[in-house]
């Protein structure tokens, strides 16, 4: 007899407006009904059903903030380079996840135009968002918020090109608290035993 059936997690979330997110409750109800029917058909007791909605909780709870380093026009394309990229979030480069960055910290009155938001690593795959609409007056120093980056973002971060991993800050009720400090060059150097 199987006392417990754990179907795990990794359930889909909406990374961009208009994308569908998995309804974990509806999934659980559907799976429970199928499980109940199958167990009854073969005469087995129904096990306790578990779903792990980790990403469905952590993903929407996290927002990555990037500072715009430069804005470059190349033919019909506008590239907005930010101070992060595939070192702090390799998912777009690894398997094509695309986000919907938003300008935060100031009001923009300029019309929206399609841009490519690219990372700082000068790699062809270091694209955080392709063809997203941002204000035409976006400029170096602006802040971009990337919603739905709470799952996997930091856990997959690396020291690619010796770029330190970003900090993690919890914000609630208008109060911010540092949870994980930014990785410094001294942190990176501390592992080097040298000559």
Protein backbone atom coordinates (compact mmCIF):
# COMPACT_ATOMS: atom_id res chain seq x y z
CA UNK A 1 0.00 0.00 0.00
CA UNK A 2 1.23 3.48 -0.91
CA UNK A 3 0.35 5.78 2.01
CA UNK A 4 1.37 9.00 0.27
CA UNK A 5 1.65 10.20 -3.33
CA UNK A 6 3.75 13.35 -3.80
CA UNK A 7 3.47 14.79 -7.29
CA UNK A 8 6.17 17.39 -6.63
CA UNK A 9 6.30 20.96 -7.82
CA UNK A 10 7.73 23.16 -10.55
CA UNK A 11 4.26 24.21 -11.64
CA UNK A 12 4.02 26.94 -14.26
CA UNK A 13 3.60 30.58 -13.35
CA UNK A 14 2.90 33.61 -15.56
CA UNK A 15 6.16 35.43 -16.29
CA UNK A 16 4.56 38.00 -18.56
CA UNK A 17 1.13 39.63 -18.73
CA UNK A 18 -1.36 37.46 -20.58
CA UNK A 19 0.41 34.18 -19.86
CA UNK A 20 -1.53 31.46 -18.11
CA UNK A 21 -0.49 30.31 -14.67
CA UNK A 22 -1.33 26.88 -13.38
CA UNK A 23 -4.24 26.82 -10.96
CA UNK A 24 -2.77 24.53 -8.29
CA UNK A 25 -6.13 24.06 -6.53
CA UNK A 26 -7.84 23.03 -9.77
CA UNK A 27 -4.95 20.66 -10.54
CA UNK A 28 -5.19 19.11 -7.07
CA UNK A 29 -8.96 18.62 -7.42
CA UNK A 30 -8.58 17.02 -10.84
CA UNK A 31 -5.72 14.74 -9.77
CA UNK A 32 -7.58 13.77 -6.59
CA UNK A 33 -10.68 12.79 -8.61
CA UNK A 34 -8.58 10.73 -11.05
CA UNK A 35 -6.66 9.11 -8.19
CA UNK A 36 -9.85 8.28 -6.30
CA UNK A 37 -11.38 6.71 -9.40
CA UNK A 38 -8.26 4.71 -10.28
CA UNK A 39 -7.83 3.42 -6.71
CA UNK A 40 -11.49 2.39 -6.56
CA UNK A 41 -11.20 0.58 -9.91
CA UNK A 42 -8.27 -1.58 -8.74
CA UNK A 43 -9.38 -1.89 -5.13
CA UNK A 44 -6.53 0.03 -3.50
CA UNK A 45 -6.85 2.51 -0.64
CA UNK A 46 -6.51 6.10 -1.72
CA UNK A 47 -3.12 7.55 -0.67
CA UNK A 48 -2.68 11.01 0.80
CA UNK A 49 -2.10 13.39 -2.13
CA UNK A 50 0.60 16.07 -1.96
CA UNK A 51 1.46 18.86 -4.40
CA UNK A 52 4.41 21.19 -3.84
CA UNK A 53 3.49 24.65 -5.12
CA UNK A 54 6.94 26.13 -4.40
CA UNK A 55 7.47 28.06 -7.64
CA UNK A 56 3.81 29.12 -7.67
CA UNK A 57 4.48 30.86 -4.34
CA UNK A 58 8.12 31.96 -4.62
CA UNK A 59 8.07 33.05 -8.27
CA UNK A 60 5.48 35.83 -8.05
CA UNK A 61 6.87 36.95 -4.67
CA UNK A 62 10.23 37.98 -6.13
CA UNK A 63 11.11 41.04 -8.18
CA UNK A 64 14.59 41.56 -9.64
CA UNK A 65 15.81 45.15 -9.92
CA UNK A 66 18.32 46.17 -12.55
CA UNK A 67 19.96 49.52 -13.23
CA UNK A 68 20.17 50.58 -16.87
CA UNK A 69 23.82 50.93 -17.91
CA UNK A 70 23.37 52.04 -21.51
CA UNK A 71 20.85 52.44 -24.31
CA UNK A 72 22.05 51.73 -27.82
CA UNK A 73 20.28 52.13 -31.15
CA UNK A 74 21.38 49.70 -33.86
CA UNK A 75 19.36 50.02 -37.04
CA UNK A 76 15.72 49.42 -36.11
CA UNK A 77 16.63 47.83 -32.77
CA UNK A 78 17.06 49.47 -29.39
CA UNK A 79 19.17 47.62 -26.83
CA UNK A 80 18.85 48.44 -23.15
CA UNK A 81 21.83 47.01 -21.25
CA UNK A 82 21.43 46.40 -17.52
CA UNK A 83 23.82 45.67 -14.66
CA UNK A 84 22.92 41.98 -14.45
CA UNK A 85 22.02 39.25 -16.86
CA UNK A 86 23.02 35.65 -17.29
CA UNK A 87 25.20 35.67 -14.17
CA UNK A 88 22.27 36.38 -11.84
CA UNK A 89 19.57 34.74 -13.99
CA UNK A 90 20.70 32.20 -16.60
CA UNK A 91 17.17 30.98 -17.38
CA UNK A 92 16.64 33.15 -20.48
CA UNK A 93 19.96 31.99 -21.95
CA UNK A 94 19.49 28.34 -20.98
CA UNK A 95 15.94 27.71 -22.09
CA UNK A 96 14.33 30.87 -23.38
CA UNK A 97 12.33 32.19 -20.43
CA UNK A 98 11.38 35.78 -21.17
CA UNK A 99 10.34 38.39 -18.66
CA UNK A 100 8.39 41.65 -18.83
CA UNK A 101 10.59 44.38 -17.30
CA UNK A 102 8.97 47.62 -16.19
CA UNK A 103 10.43 51.05 -15.59
CA UNK A 104 10.20 51.93 -11.89
CA UNK A 105 11.29 54.87 -9.77
CA UNK A 106 10.18 57.63 -12.09
CA UNK A 107 7.22 58.53 -14.27
CA UNK A 108 7.77 58.35 -17.99
CA UNK A 109 5.75 60.45 -20.40
CA UNK A 110 7.37 59.16 -23.59
CA UNK A 111 5.55 56.69 -25.81
CA UNK A 112 6.34 53.01 -25.51
CA UNK A 113 8.60 51.32 -28.03
CA UNK A 114 9.90 47.77 -28.42
CA UNK A 115 13.37 47.16 -27.00
CA UNK A 116 15.69 44.27 -26.21
CA UNK A 117 16.78 44.19 -22.57
CA UNK A 118 20.23 42.64 -22.52
CA UNK A 119 22.68 41.71 -19.80
CA UNK A 120 26.14 43.04 -19.16
CA UNK A 121 28.06 40.00 -20.36
CA UNK A 122 28.33 40.68 -24.13
CA UNK A 123 27.07 37.20 -24.96
CA UNK A 124 24.58 36.57 -27.77
CA UNK A 125 22.32 34.67 -25.37
CA UNK A 126 22.40 37.28 -22.62
CA UNK A 127 18.92 38.62 -23.38
CA UNK A 128 16.50 39.09 -20.46
CA UNK A 129 13.58 40.31 -22.57
CA UNK A 130 13.12 40.63 -26.31
CA UNK A 131 10.60 42.95 -27.93
CA UNK A 132 9.23 44.36 -24.69
CA UNK A 133 7.60 47.78 -24.59
CA UNK A 134 9.48 50.40 -22.55
CA UNK A 135 9.31 54.22 -22.64
CA UNK A 136 11.29 55.80 -25.47
CA UNK A 137 13.04 58.08 -22.96
CA UNK A 138 14.64 55.21 -21.02
CA UNK A 139 18.18 56.19 -20.06
CA UNK A 140 21.23 55.08 -18.09
CA UNK A 141 20.56 55.16 -14.36
CA UNK A 142 16.90 54.15 -14.71
CA UNK A 143 15.65 51.16 -12.73
CA UNK A 144 13.90 48.21 -14.33
CA UNK A 145 11.83 45.81 -12.24
CA UNK A 146 11.46 42.25 -13.46
CA UNK A 147 8.40 40.63 -11.88
CA UNK A 148 8.02 36.90 -11.21
CA UNK A 149 11.73 36.31 -10.62
CA UNK A 150 11.50 34.81 -7.15
CA UNK A 151 11.91 31.19 -8.20
CA UNK A 152 15.30 29.96 -9.42
CA UNK A 153 16.67 33.46 -10.00
CA UNK A 154 19.13 33.58 -7.12
CA UNK A 155 19.49 29.82 -6.72
CA UNK A 156 20.79 29.57 -10.29
CA UNK A 157 23.06 32.63 -10.07
CA UNK A 158 26.75 32.12 -10.64
CA UNK A 159 30.01 33.99 -10.61
CA UNK A 160 30.07 34.13 -14.42
CA UNK A 161 32.78 36.56 -15.59
CA UNK A 162 33.59 37.11 -11.90
CA UNK A 163 30.42 39.14 -11.44
CA UNK A 164 29.24 38.79 -7.85
CA UNK A 165 25.80 37.49 -7.07
CA UNK A 166 23.16 40.11 -6.19
CA UNK A 167 21.73 40.81 -2.75
CA UNK A 168 18.31 39.69 -1.57
CA UNK A 169 16.10 42.21 0.19
CA UNK A 170 12.74 41.52 1.81
CA UNK A 171 10.21 44.33 1.63
CA UNK A 172 7.01 44.40 3.64
CA UNK A 173 4.84 47.29 4.78
CA UNK A 174 7.26 49.83 3.33
CA UNK A 175 10.21 48.44 5.30
CA UNK A 176 13.20 46.78 3.64
CA UNK A 177 15.50 44.27 5.28
CA UNK A 178 18.69 42.78 3.81
CA UNK A 179 18.52 38.97 3.80
CA UNK A 180 21.56 38.12 1.66
CA UNK A 181 24.31 40.65 1.07
CA UNK A 182 25.76 41.32 -2.39
CA UNK A 183 28.74 39.11 -3.22
CA UNK A 184 31.81 41.32 -3.39
CA UNK A 185 35.05 41.04 -5.31
CA UNK A 186 36.69 40.27 -1.94
CA UNK A 187 34.34 37.28 -1.61
CA UNK A 188 35.39 36.05 -5.03
CA UNK A 189 39.09 36.61 -4.30
CA UNK A 190 38.86 34.83 -0.93
CA UNK A 191 38.59 31.50 -2.78
CA UNK A 192 41.73 32.14 -4.84
CA UNK A 193 44.73 30.52 -3.16
CA UNK A 194 47.07 32.15 -5.70
CA UNK A 195 50.81 31.59 -5.80
